[in-house]
């Protein structure tokens, strides 16, 4: 490979924050690394997003133990990506929840995604030897399910395709707080390599309709207050549209992937180049936008080999 992925050179440890987003609700964030949510019920705890390894999951557990000694009974994962799910074994949760579509994507491409992300994110996969294998849910659903942590109600919903075809969100109605996974980001690039550009803005509007008091996004700081929530929804939608439009224009006029890359950079660099993981996401985002514009509805499977081929093709 002529040049390493941006994420391969990112080996600096990130500063962890643990932010309260509602009564008994917390967001574990780390400067643009994958976030994890914590929902404390009457008798037990639900974790939202597992982290990439048991090593990273234990950092979450350390923070949880600063605020509660209740057992972790449930683990919910918003989608199938390796950096979100492979730390699951550390929590010891009896109930592991995914959307049915996300489980199907583990079957279809889970190992390939693990291999791909392992090569892209060496820092996140330190301690990978502890990962026991692919993470499988014990419980799945299609459109909606509700979990009661004692009296605390937690609604898990599929609101539409966005970051992947199987994204779910987790809503705690007593505080009107939502854990969105990578459907919403804050000052962090959206990874669109497995995304659905045409559906993503509609899914964001479905989230906006809840008129939320806080969001724990997939990456970036916790969003507390409606002004911050709406700003993040707006900036995420702008990122998605600004990536797709120039790539689609090139693809539909018969241009090359490299020309699409140049067009997206011209549109997005001035607005988003200071966002976390921007450089890492860009080649995958352009490739997926180029494909979607040519009516490839199902994102092609990323492998370590395909990653390298794409990156080399864009270096000329």
C-alpha atoms as a PDB file:
ATOM      1  CA  UNK A   1       0.000   0.000   0.000  1.00  0.00           C
ATOM      2  CA  UNK A   2       1.464   3.324  -1.040  1.00  0.00           C
ATOM      3  CA  UNK A   3       0.194   5.152   2.006  1.00  0.00           C
ATOM      4  CA  UNK A   4      -1.313   3.977   5.302  1.00  0.00           C
ATOM      5  CA  UNK A   5      -4.916   4.657   6.193  1.00  0.00           C
ATOM      6  CA  UNK A   6      -5.218   7.678   8.459  1.00  0.00           C
ATOM      7  CA  UNK A   7      -6.549   5.480  11.264  1.00  0.00           C
ATOM      8  CA  UNK A   8      -3.533   3.139  11.068  1.00  0.00           C
ATOM      9  CA  UNK A   9      -1.288   5.954  12.251  1.00  0.00           C
ATOM     10  CA  UNK A  10      -3.652   7.074  15.029  1.00  0.00           C
ATOM     11  CA  UNK A  11      -2.094   5.348  18.031  1.00  0.00           C
ATOM     12  CA  UNK A  12      -2.491   8.109  20.623  1.00  0.00           C
ATOM     13  CA  UNK A  13      -4.633   7.214  23.647  1.00  0.00           C
ATOM     14  CA  UNK A  14      -7.863   9.223  23.811  1.00  0.00           C
ATOM     15  CA  UNK A  15      -9.192  11.151  26.796  1.00  0.00           C
ATOM     16  CA  UNK A  16     -12.308   9.476  28.197  1.00  0.00           C
ATOM     17  CA  UNK A  17     -15.368  11.448  29.334  1.00  0.00           C
ATOM     18  CA  UNK A  18     -18.349  10.057  31.238  1.00  0.00           C
ATOM     19  CA  UNK A  19     -21.252  12.465  30.894  1.00  0.00           C
ATOM     20  CA  UNK A  20     -24.673  12.307  32.508  1.00  0.00           C
ATOM     21  CA  UNK A  21     -27.354  12.777  29.849  1.00  0.00           C
ATOM     22  CA  UNK A  22     -30.367  12.174  32.105  1.00  0.00           C
ATOM     23  CA  UNK A  23     -31.278  10.698  35.472  1.00  0.00           C
ATOM     24  CA  UNK A  24     -29.480   7.353  35.582  1.00  0.00           C
ATOM     25  CA  UNK A  25     -28.270   7.775  31.978  1.00  0.00           C
ATOM     26  CA  UNK A  26     -24.640   8.201  30.949  1.00  0.00           C
ATOM     27  CA  UNK A  27     -22.531   8.519  27.807  1.00  0.00           C
ATOM     28  CA  UNK A  28     -18.990   7.123  27.684  1.00  0.00           C
ATOM     29  CA  UNK A  29     -17.095   9.110  25.031  1.00  0.00           C
ATOM     30  CA  UNK A  30     -13.456   9.322  23.972  1.00  0.00           C
ATOM     31  CA  UNK A  31     -12.560  12.093  21.521  1.00  0.00           C
ATOM     32  CA  UNK A  32     -14.163  10.584  18.438  1.00  0.00           C
ATOM     33  CA  UNK A  33     -13.701   6.917  19.327  1.00  0.00           C
ATOM     34  CA  UNK A  34     -16.866   4.762  19.466  1.00  0.00           C
ATOM     35  CA  UNK A  35     -19.207   5.773  22.292  1.00  0.00           C
ATOM     36  CA  UNK A  36     -21.058   3.553  24.754  1.00  0.00           C
ATOM     37  CA  UNK A  37     -24.318   4.309  26.581  1.00  0.00           C
ATOM     38  CA  UNK A  38     -25.331   3.341  30.107  1.00  0.00           C
ATOM     39  CA  UNK A  39     -28.939   2.985  31.289  1.00  0.00           C
ATOM     40  CA  UNK A  40     -29.408   2.362  35.008  1.00  0.00           C
ATOM     41  CA  UNK A  41     -32.707   0.735  35.923  1.00  0.00           C
ATOM     42  CA  UNK A  42     -34.241  -0.134  39.283  1.00  0.00           C
ATOM     43  CA  UNK A  43     -32.332  -3.384  39.700  1.00  0.00           C
ATOM     44  CA  UNK A  44     -29.898  -3.651  36.804  1.00  0.00           C
ATOM     45  CA  UNK A  45     -28.075  -1.878  33.980  1.00  0.00           C
ATOM     46  CA  UNK A  46     -28.334  -1.909  30.184  1.00  0.00           C
ATOM     47  CA  UNK A  47     -25.226  -1.099  28.150  1.00  0.00           C
ATOM     48  CA  UNK A  48     -25.628   0.296  24.636  1.00  0.00           C
ATOM     49  CA  UNK A  49     -22.642  -0.619  22.393  1.00  0.00           C
ATOM     50  CA  UNK A  50     -19.993  -3.049  23.561  1.00  0.00           C
ATOM     51  CA  UNK A  51     -16.721  -1.454  22.300  1.00  0.00           C
ATOM     52  CA  UNK A  52     -14.172  -3.225  20.094  1.00  0.00           C
ATOM     53  CA  UNK A  53     -12.501  -5.462  22.671  1.00  0.00           C
ATOM     54  CA  UNK A  54     -12.977  -6.726  26.222  1.00  0.00           C
ATOM     55  CA  UNK A  55     -10.046  -4.476  27.165  1.00  0.00           C
ATOM     56  CA  UNK A  56     -11.959  -1.360  26.089  1.00  0.00           C
ATOM     57  CA  UNK A  57     -15.190  -2.693  27.568  1.00  0.00           C
ATOM     58  CA  UNK A  58     -13.529  -2.878  30.975  1.00  0.00           C
ATOM     59  CA  UNK A  59     -12.831   0.856  30.766  1.00  0.00           C
ATOM     60  CA  UNK A  60     -16.572   1.375  30.386  1.00  0.00           C
ATOM     61  CA  UNK A  61     -17.274  -0.952  33.302  1.00  0.00           C
ATOM     62  CA  UNK A  62     -14.853   1.025  35.493  1.00  0.00           C
ATOM     63  CA  UNK A  63     -16.906   4.163  34.839  1.00  0.00           C
ATOM     64  CA  UNK A  64     -20.188   2.343  35.432  1.00  0.00           C
ATOM     65  CA  UNK A  65     -18.940   1.168  38.810  1.00  0.00           C
ATOM     66  CA  UNK A  66     -18.279   4.778  39.801  1.00  0.00           C
ATOM     67  CA  UNK A  67     -22.030   5.476  39.641  1.00  0.00           C
ATOM     68  CA  UNK A  68     -23.771   2.153  40.401  1.00  0.00           C
ATOM     69  CA  UNK A  69     -23.115  -1.330  41.758  1.00  0.00           C
ATOM     70  CA  UNK A  70     -26.156  -2.832  40.021  1.00  0.00           C
ATOM     71  CA  UNK A  71     -25.445  -5.818  37.764  1.00  0.00           C
ATOM     72  CA  UNK A  72     -25.264  -5.460  33.993  1.00  0.00           C
ATOM     73  CA  UNK A  73     -28.193  -7.519  32.741  1.00  0.00           C
ATOM     74  CA  UNK A  74     -28.681  -6.277  29.158  1.00  0.00           C
ATOM     75  CA  UNK A  75     -26.402  -5.330  26.279  1.00  0.00           C
ATOM     76  CA  UNK A  76     -27.929  -3.646  23.219  1.00  0.00           C
ATOM     77  CA  UNK A  77     -25.986  -3.094  20.019  1.00  0.00           C
ATOM     78  CA  UNK A  78     -27.229  -0.629  17.418  1.00  0.00           C
ATOM     79  CA  UNK A  79     -25.570  -2.413  14.468  1.00  0.00           C
ATOM     80  CA  UNK A  80     -23.047  -5.101  13.577  1.00  0.00           C
ATOM     81  CA  UNK A  81     -19.717  -3.274  13.126  1.00  0.00           C
ATOM     82  CA  UNK A  82     -16.757  -4.909  14.849  1.00  0.00           C
ATOM     83  CA  UNK A  83     -15.662  -1.786  16.756  1.00  0.00           C
ATOM     84  CA  UNK A  84     -19.114  -1.776  18.388  1.00  0.00           C
ATOM     85  CA  UNK A  85     -19.687  -5.404  19.268  1.00  0.00           C
ATOM     86  CA  UNK A  86     -16.554  -7.493  19.816  1.00  0.00           C
ATOM     87  CA  UNK A  87     -16.063  -6.409  23.439  1.00  0.00           C
ATOM     88  CA  UNK A  88     -19.403  -7.929  24.437  1.00  0.00           C
ATOM     89  CA  UNK A  89     -18.043 -10.832  26.476  1.00  0.00           C
ATOM     90  CA  UNK A  90     -16.628  -8.524  29.175  1.00  0.00           C
ATOM     91  CA  UNK A  91     -20.064  -7.395  30.386  1.00  0.00           C
ATOM     92  CA  UNK A  92     -21.457 -10.806  31.281  1.00  0.00           C
ATOM     93  CA  UNK A  93     -24.957  -9.725  30.243  1.00  0.00           C
ATOM     94  CA  UNK A  94     -27.622 -12.432  30.127  1.00  0.00           C
ATOM     95  CA  UNK A  95     -29.550 -10.672  27.347  1.00  0.00           C
ATOM     96  CA  UNK A  96     -27.753  -9.444  24.216  1.00  0.00           C
ATOM     97  CA  UNK A  97     -30.009  -7.543  21.798  1.00  0.00           C
ATOM     98  CA  UNK A  98     -29.652  -6.640  18.116  1.00  0.00           C
ATOM     99  CA  UNK A  99     -32.121  -5.879  15.395  1.00  0.00           C
ATOM    100  CA  UNK A 100     -32.905  -8.937  13.287  1.00  0.00           C
ATOM    101  CA  UNK A 101     -31.378  -7.257  10.228  1.00  0.00           C
ATOM    102  CA  UNK A 102     -28.158  -6.557  12.126  1.00  0.00           C
ATOM    103  CA  UNK A 103     -27.925 -10.222  13.122  1.00  0.00           C
ATOM    104  CA  UNK A 104     -28.372 -11.206   9.486  1.00  0.00           C
ATOM    105  CA  UNK A 105     -25.493  -8.911   8.611  1.00  0.00           C
ATOM    106  CA  UNK A 106     -23.268 -10.664  11.161  1.00  0.00           C
ATOM    107  CA  UNK A 107     -24.077 -13.897   9.326  1.00  0.00           C
ATOM    108  CA  UNK A 108     -23.461 -12.319   5.931  1.00  0.00           C
ATOM    109  CA  UNK A 109     -20.354 -10.214   6.579  1.00  0.00           C
ATOM    110  CA  UNK A 110     -19.406 -10.251  10.260  1.00  0.00           C
ATOM    111  CA  UNK A 111     -16.047 -11.992   9.883  1.00  0.00           C
ATOM    112  CA  UNK A 112     -15.087  -9.919   6.849  1.00  0.00           C
ATOM    113  CA  UNK A 113     -15.949  -6.733   8.745  1.00  0.00           C
ATOM    114  CA  UNK A 114     -13.856  -7.870  11.722  1.00  0.00           C
ATOM    115  CA  UNK A 115     -10.851  -8.545   9.475  1.00  0.00           C
ATOM    116  CA  UNK A 116     -11.310  -5.230   7.681  1.00  0.00           C
ATOM    117  CA  UNK A 117     -11.668  -3.102  10.808  1.00  0.00           C
ATOM    118  CA  UNK A 118      -8.844  -4.928  12.575  1.00  0.00           C
ATOM    119  CA  UNK A 119      -6.477  -3.805   9.813  1.00  0.00           C
ATOM    120  CA  UNK A 120      -7.828  -0.243   9.809  1.00  0.00           C
ATOM    121  CA  UNK A 121      -7.865   0.431  13.579  1.00  0.00           C
ATOM    122  CA  UNK A 122      -4.824  -1.111  15.302  1.00  0.00           C
ATOM    123  CA  UNK A 123      -5.209   1.044  18.439  1.00  0.00           C
ATOM    124  CA  UNK A 124      -8.826   0.027  19.029  1.00  0.00           C
ATOM    125  CA  UNK A 125      -7.965  -3.649  18.696  1.00  0.00           C
ATOM    126  CA  UNK A 126      -5.117  -3.756  21.192  1.00  0.00           C
ATOM    127  CA  UNK A 127      -5.818  -6.805  23.348  1.00  0.00           C
ATOM    128  CA  UNK A 128      -7.757  -8.475  20.542  1.00  0.00           C
ATOM    129  CA  UNK A 129      -6.511 -11.880  21.696  1.00  0.00           C
ATOM    130  CA  UNK A 130      -9.261 -11.857  24.346  1.00  0.00           C
ATOM    131  CA  UNK A 131     -12.100 -11.639  21.823  1.00  0.00           C
ATOM    132  CA  UNK A 132     -13.813 -15.063  21.911  1.00  0.00           C
ATOM    133  CA  UNK A 133     -15.327 -14.770  18.433  1.00  0.00           C
ATOM    134  CA  UNK A 134     -18.148 -13.027  16.628  1.00  0.00           C
ATOM    135  CA  UNK A 135     -20.797 -11.513  18.897  1.00  0.00           C
ATOM    136  CA  UNK A 136     -24.224 -13.094  18.533  1.00  0.00           C
ATOM    137  CA  UNK A 137     -27.437 -11.741  20.072  1.00  0.00           C
ATOM    138  CA  UNK A 138     -29.663 -13.796  22.338  1.00  0.00           C
ATOM    139  CA  UNK A 139     -32.674 -11.649  21.378  1.00  0.00           C
ATOM    140  CA  UNK A 140     -33.638  -9.915  18.121  1.00  0.00           C
ATOM    141  CA  UNK A 141     -36.581  -7.892  16.843  1.00  0.00           C
ATOM    142  CA  UNK A 142     -37.759  -6.310  13.615  1.00  0.00           C
ATOM    143  CA  UNK A 143     -39.392  -2.920  14.183  1.00  0.00           C
ATOM    144  CA  UNK A 144     -39.711  -2.354  17.921  1.00  0.00           C
ATOM    145  CA  UNK A 145     -39.341  -3.975  21.328  1.00  0.00           C
ATOM    146  CA  UNK A 146     -39.527  -2.782  24.918  1.00  0.00           C
ATOM    147  CA  UNK A 147     -37.380  -3.834  27.870  1.00  0.00           C
ATOM    148  CA  UNK A 148     -38.304  -3.017  31.458  1.00  0.00           C
ATOM    149  CA  UNK A 149     -35.442  -2.538  33.891  1.00  0.00           C
ATOM    150  CA  UNK A 150     -37.791  -2.685  36.870  1.00  0.00           C
ATOM    151  CA  UNK A 151     -40.120   0.253  36.289  1.00  0.00           C
ATOM    152  CA  UNK A 152     -37.803   1.946  33.818  1.00  0.00           C
ATOM    153  CA  UNK A 153     -39.012   1.454  30.266  1.00  0.00           C
ATOM    154  CA  UNK A 154     -36.506   1.246  27.415  1.00  0.00           C
ATOM    155  CA  UNK A 155     -37.774   1.247  23.818  1.00  0.00           C
ATOM    156  CA  UNK A 156     -35.577  -0.192  21.063  1.00  0.00           C
ATOM    157  CA  UNK A 157     -36.621   0.745  17.535  1.00  0.00           C
ATOM    158  CA  UNK A 158     -35.627   0.474  13.905  1.00  0.00           C
ATOM    159  CA  UNK A 159     -36.510   3.881  12.437  1.00  0.00           C
ATOM    160  CA  UNK A 160     -34.998   3.393   8.988  1.00  0.00           C
ATOM    161  CA  UNK A 161     -31.777   2.685   7.130  1.00  0.00           C
ATOM    162  CA  UNK A 162     -28.864   5.060   7.650  1.00  0.00           C
ATOM    163  CA  UNK A 163     -25.341   4.090   8.780  1.00  0.00           C
ATOM    164  CA  UNK A 164     -26.290   0.476   7.958  1.00  0.00           C
ATOM    165  CA  UNK A 165     -29.451  -1.296   6.866  1.00  0.00           C
ATOM    166  CA  UNK A 166     -30.027  -2.626  10.382  1.00  0.00           C
ATOM    167  CA  UNK A 167     -29.513   0.397  12.651  1.00  0.00           C
ATOM    168  CA  UNK A 168     -31.586   0.609  15.820  1.00  0.00           C
ATOM    169  CA  UNK A 169     -31.956   3.387  18.383  1.00  0.00           C
ATOM    170  CA  UNK A 170     -32.567   3.083  22.120  1.00  0.00           C
ATOM    171  CA  UNK A 171     -35.011   5.547  23.715  1.00  0.00           C
ATOM    172  CA  UNK A 172     -35.610   6.106  27.421  1.00  0.00           C
ATOM    173  CA  UNK A 173     -38.985   7.880  27.527  1.00  0.00           C
ATOM    174  CA  UNK A 174     -38.984   8.944  31.185  1.00  0.00           C
ATOM    175  CA  UNK A 175     -36.035  11.251  30.372  1.00  0.00           C
ATOM    176  CA  UNK A 176     -36.676  11.622  26.608  1.00  0.00           C
ATOM    177  CA  UNK A 177     -33.079  10.630  25.883  1.00  0.00           C
ATOM    178  CA  UNK A 178     -31.941   8.551  22.910  1.00  0.00           C
ATOM    179  CA  UNK A 179     -28.857   6.481  22.169  1.00  0.00           C
ATOM    180  CA  UNK A 180     -28.558   6.652  18.382  1.00  0.00           C
ATOM    181  CA  UNK A 181     -25.443   4.722  17.473  1.00  0.00           C
ATOM    182  CA  UNK A 182     -23.756   6.024  14.345  1.00  0.00           C
ATOM    183  CA  UNK A 183     -26.927   7.415  12.807  1.00  0.00           C
ATOM    184  CA  UNK A 184     -25.979  10.683  14.565  1.00  0.00           C
ATOM    185  CA  UNK A 185     -22.422  11.994  15.030  1.00  0.00           C
ATOM    186  CA  UNK A 186     -21.097  15.166  16.622  1.00  0.00           C
ATOM    187  CA  UNK A 187     -17.987  16.796  15.178  1.00  0.00           C
ATOM    188  CA  UNK A 188     -17.007  13.398  13.887  1.00  0.00           C
ATOM    189  CA  UNK A 189     -17.212  12.159  10.326  1.00  0.00           C
ATOM    190  CA  UNK A 190     -19.996   9.747   9.450  1.00  0.00           C
ATOM    191  CA  UNK A 191     -18.707   6.401   8.238  1.00  0.00           C
ATOM    192  CA  UNK A 192     -20.888   5.746   5.183  1.00  0.00           C
ATOM    193  CA  UNK A 193     -19.126   2.713   3.709  1.00  0.00           C
ATOM    194  CA  UNK A 194     -22.088   0.471   4.584  1.00  0.00           C
ATOM    195  CA  UNK A 195     -24.656   3.255   4.528  1.00  0.00           C
ATOM    196  CA  UNK A 196     -27.779   4.258   2.653  1.00  0.00           C
ATOM    197  CA  UNK A 197     -27.475   7.895   1.626  1.00  0.00           C
ATOM    198  CA  UNK A 198     -30.991   8.190   0.253  1.00  0.00           C
ATOM    199  CA  UNK A 199     -32.600   7.001   3.497  1.00  0.00           C
ATOM    200  CA  UNK A 200     -30.263   8.534   6.070  1.00  0.00           C
ATOM    201  CA  UNK A 201     -31.757  12.079   6.162  1.00  0.00           C
ATOM    202  CA  UNK A 202     -35.282  10.636   6.545  1.00  0.00           C
ATOM    203  CA  UNK A 203     -34.124   8.530   9.483  1.00  0.00           C
ATOM    204  CA  UNK A 204     -32.595  11.633  11.076  1.00  0.00           C
ATOM    205  CA  UNK A 205     -35.951  13.386  10.763  1.00  0.00           C
ATOM    206  CA  UNK A 206     -37.653  10.431  12.436  1.00  0.00           C
ATOM    207  CA  UNK A 207     -35.269  10.957  15.347  1.00  0.00           C
ATOM    208  CA  UNK A 208     -35.914  14.703  15.357  1.00  0.00           C
ATOM    209  CA  UNK A 209     -39.649  14.026  15.704  1.00  0.00           C
ATOM    210  CA  UNK A 210     -39.047  12.774  19.266  1.00  0.00           C
ATOM    211  CA  UNK A 211     -38.076  16.354  20.247  1.00  0.00           C
ATOM    212  CA  UNK A 212     -35.350  14.877  22.414  1.00  0.00           C
ATOM    213  CA  UNK A 213     -33.797  16.441  25.488  1.00  0.00           C
ATOM    214  CA  UNK A 214     -30.467  14.661  24.933  1.00  0.00           C
ATOM    215  CA  UNK A 215     -28.711  12.251  22.585  1.00  0.00           C
ATOM    216  CA  UNK A 216     -25.731  10.012  23.141  1.00  0.00           C
ATOM    217  CA  UNK A 217     -24.384   9.871  19.549  1.00  0.00           C
ATOM    218  CA  UNK A 218     -22.192   7.222  17.985  1.00  0.00           C
ATOM    219  CA  UNK A 219     -19.074   9.375  18.149  1.00  0.00           C
ATOM    220  CA  UNK A 220     -18.356  12.763  19.646  1.00  0.00           C
ATOM    221  CA  UNK A 221     -19.554  14.561  22.757  1.00  0.00           C
ATOM    222  CA  UNK A 222     -22.863  13.860  24.450  1.00  0.00           C
ATOM    223  CA  UNK A 223     -25.595  16.180  23.180  1.00  0.00           C
ATOM    224  CA  UNK A 224     -27.452  17.733  26.099  1.00  0.00           C
ATOM    225  CA  UNK A 225     -30.243  20.195  25.404  1.00  0.00           C
ATOM    226  CA  UNK A 226     -32.450  20.563  22.350  1.00  0.00           C
ATOM    227  CA  UNK A 227     -30.264  23.180  20.718  1.00  0.00           C
ATOM    228  CA  UNK A 228     -27.257  20.864  20.713  1.00  0.00           C
ATOM    229  CA  UNK A 229     -29.411  17.888  19.647  1.00  0.00           C
ATOM    230  CA  UNK A 230     -30.817  19.723  16.642  1.00  0.00           C
ATOM    231  CA  UNK A 231     -27.430  21.130  15.659  1.00  0.00           C
ATOM    232  CA  UNK A 232     -26.014  17.597  15.545  1.00  0.00           C
ATOM    233  CA  UNK A 233     -28.962  16.319  13.501  1.00  0.00           C
ATOM    234  CA  UNK A 234     -28.440  19.195  11.055  1.00  0.00           C
ATOM    235  CA  UNK A 235     -24.684  18.719  10.753  1.00  0.00           C
ATOM    236  CA  UNK A 236     -25.028  14.945  10.301  1.00  0.00           C
ATOM    237  CA  UNK A 237     -27.561  15.465   7.499  1.00  0.00           C
ATOM    238  CA  UNK A 238     -25.295  18.060   5.889  1.00  0.00           C
ATOM    239  CA  UNK A 239     -22.354  15.657   6.013  1.00  0.00           C
ATOM    240  CA  UNK A 240     -24.348  12.870   4.360  1.00  0.00           C
ATOM    241  CA  UNK A 241     -25.766  15.090   1.619  1.00  0.00           C
ATOM    242  CA  UNK A 242     -22.456  16.864   0.984  1.00  0.00           C
ATOM    243  CA  UNK A 243     -20.763  13.500   0.496  1.00  0.00           C
ATOM    244  CA  UNK A 244     -23.399  11.986  -1.765  1.00  0.00           C
ATOM    245  CA  UNK A 245     -24.237  14.855  -4.118  1.00  0.00           C
ATOM    246  CA  UNK A 246     -20.815  15.401  -5.743  1.00  0.00           C
ATOM    247  CA  UNK A 247     -20.041  11.678  -5.926  1.00  0.00           C
ATOM    248  CA  UNK A 248     -23.413  10.949  -7.529  1.00  0.00           C
ATOM    249  CA  UNK A 249     -22.964  13.727 -10.060  1.00  0.00           C
ATOM    250  CA  UNK A 250     -19.661  12.236 -11.193  1.00  0.00           C
ATOM    251  CA  UNK A 251     -20.973   8.658 -11.219  1.00  0.00           C
ATOM    252  CA  UNK A 252     -24.077   9.543 -13.215  1.00  0.00           C
ATOM    253  CA  UNK A 253     -22.047  11.426 -15.807  1.00  0.00           C
ATOM    254  CA  UNK A 254     -19.767   8.435 -16.375  1.00  0.00           C
ATOM    255  CA  UNK A 255     -16.841   9.735 -14.353  1.00  0.00           C
ATOM    256  CA  UNK A 256     -14.317   7.634 -12.448  1.00  0.00           C
ATOM    257  CA  UNK A 257     -14.145   6.842  -8.747  1.00  0.00           C
ATOM    258  CA  UNK A 258     -11.026   9.022  -8.496  1.00  0.00           C
ATOM    259  CA  UNK A 259     -12.961  11.929 -10.020  1.00  0.00           C
ATOM    260  CA  UNK A 260     -15.712  11.348  -7.479  1.00  0.00           C
ATOM    261  CA  UNK A 261     -13.088  11.398  -4.708  1.00  0.00           C
ATOM    262  CA  UNK A 262     -11.782  14.761  -5.928  1.00  0.00           C
ATOM    263  CA  UNK A 263     -15.315  16.181  -6.173  1.00  0.00           C
ATOM    264  CA  UNK A 264     -16.242  15.070  -2.653  1.00  0.00           C
ATOM    265  CA  UNK A 265     -13.027  16.501  -1.251  1.00  0.00           C
ATOM    266  CA  UNK A 266     -13.757  19.841  -2.886  1.00  0.00           C
ATOM    267  CA  UNK A 267     -17.199  19.912  -1.262  1.00  0.00           C
ATOM    268  CA  UNK A 268     -16.427  18.403   2.141  1.00  0.00           C
ATOM    269  CA  UNK A 269     -12.869  19.435   3.036  1.00  0.00           C
ATOM    270  CA  UNK A 270     -13.775  23.085   3.763  1.00  0.00           C
ATOM    271  CA  UNK A 271     -16.584  22.043   6.114  1.00  0.00           C
ATOM    272  CA  UNK A 272     -15.501  18.795   7.729  1.00  0.00           C
ATOM    273  CA  UNK A 273     -11.740  18.263   7.491  1.00  0.00           C
ATOM    274  CA  UNK A 274     -11.308  18.983  11.218  1.00  0.00           C
ATOM    275  CA  UNK A 275     -13.861  16.307  12.202  1.00  0.00           C
ATOM    276  CA  UNK A 276     -12.626  13.167  13.957  1.00  0.00           C
ATOM    277  CA  UNK A 277     -11.855  10.224  11.618  1.00  0.00           C
ATOM    278  CA  UNK A 278     -12.620  12.365   8.550  1.00  0.00           C
ATOM    279  CA  UNK A 279      -9.629  11.213   6.524  1.00  0.00           C
ATOM    280  CA  UNK A 280     -10.222   7.612   7.499  1.00  0.00           C
ATOM    281  CA  UNK A 281     -13.877   7.607   6.427  1.00  0.00           C
ATOM    282  CA  UNK A 282     -13.483   9.501   3.173  1.00  0.00           C
ATOM    283  CA  UNK A 283     -12.432   6.709   0.759  1.00  0.00           C
ATOM    284  CA  UNK A 284     -15.145   4.346   2.012  1.00  0.00           C
ATOM    285  CA  UNK A 285     -17.760   7.100   1.880  1.00  0.00           C
ATOM    286  CA  UNK A 286     -16.897   8.028  -1.692  1.00  0.00           C
ATOM    287  CA  UNK A 287     -16.907   4.409  -2.846  1.00  0.00           C
ATOM    288  CA  UNK A 288     -20.318   3.748  -1.309  1.00  0.00           C
ATOM    289  CA  UNK A 289     -21.825   7.002  -2.658  1.00  0.00           C
ATOM    290  CA  UNK A 290     -20.502   6.150  -6.130  1.00  0.00           C
ATOM    291  CA  UNK A 291     -22.097   2.694  -5.908  1.00  0.00           C
ATOM    292  CA  UNK A 292     -25.444   3.922  -4.591  1.00  0.00           C
ATOM    293  CA  UNK A 293     -25.698   6.472  -7.388  1.00  0.00           C
ATOM    294  CA  UNK A 294     -25.343   3.556  -9.818  1.00  0.00           C
ATOM    295  CA  UNK A 295     -28.284   1.746  -8.152  1.00  0.00           C
ATOM    296  CA  UNK A 296     -26.241  -0.705  -6.072  1.00  0.00           C
ATOM    297  CA  UNK A 297     -28.680  -0.802  -3.181  1.00  0.00           C
ATOM    298  CA  UNK A 298     -26.929  -3.339  -0.953  1.00  0.00           C
ATOM    299  CA  UNK A 299     -23.484  -2.126   0.141  1.00  0.00           C
ATOM    300  CA  UNK A 300     -20.731  -4.386  -1.092  1.00  0.00           C
ATOM    301  CA  UNK A 301     -18.866  -6.316   1.591  1.00  0.00           C
ATOM    302  CA  UNK A 302     -15.656  -4.691   2.755  1.00  0.00           C
ATOM    303  CA  UNK A 303     -12.669  -6.987   3.175  1.00  0.00           C
ATOM    304  CA  UNK A 304      -9.086  -6.185   4.091  1.00  0.00           C
ATOM    305  CA  UNK A 305      -8.159  -6.892   0.464  1.00  0.00           C
ATOM    306  CA  UNK A 306     -10.866  -4.602  -0.939  1.00  0.00           C
ATOM    307  CA  UNK A 307      -9.811  -1.860   1.498  1.00  0.00           C
ATOM    308  CA  UNK A 308      -6.257  -1.985   0.166  1.00  0.00           C
ATOM    309  CA  UNK A 309      -7.373  -2.007  -3.471  1.00  0.00           C
ATOM    310  CA  UNK A 310      -9.575   1.037  -2.921  1.00  0.00           C
ATOM    311  CA  UNK A 311      -6.899   2.975  -1.098  1.00  0.00           C
ATOM    312  CA  UNK A 312      -4.273   2.251  -3.746  1.00  0.00           C
ATOM    313  CA  UNK A 313      -6.674   3.301  -6.510  1.00  0.00           C
ATOM    314  CA  UNK A 314      -7.177   6.692  -4.877  1.00  0.00           C
ATOM    315  CA  UNK A 315      -3.479   7.514  -4.387  1.00  0.00           C
ATOM    316  CA  UNK A 316      -2.702   8.423  -8.009  1.00  0.00           C
END
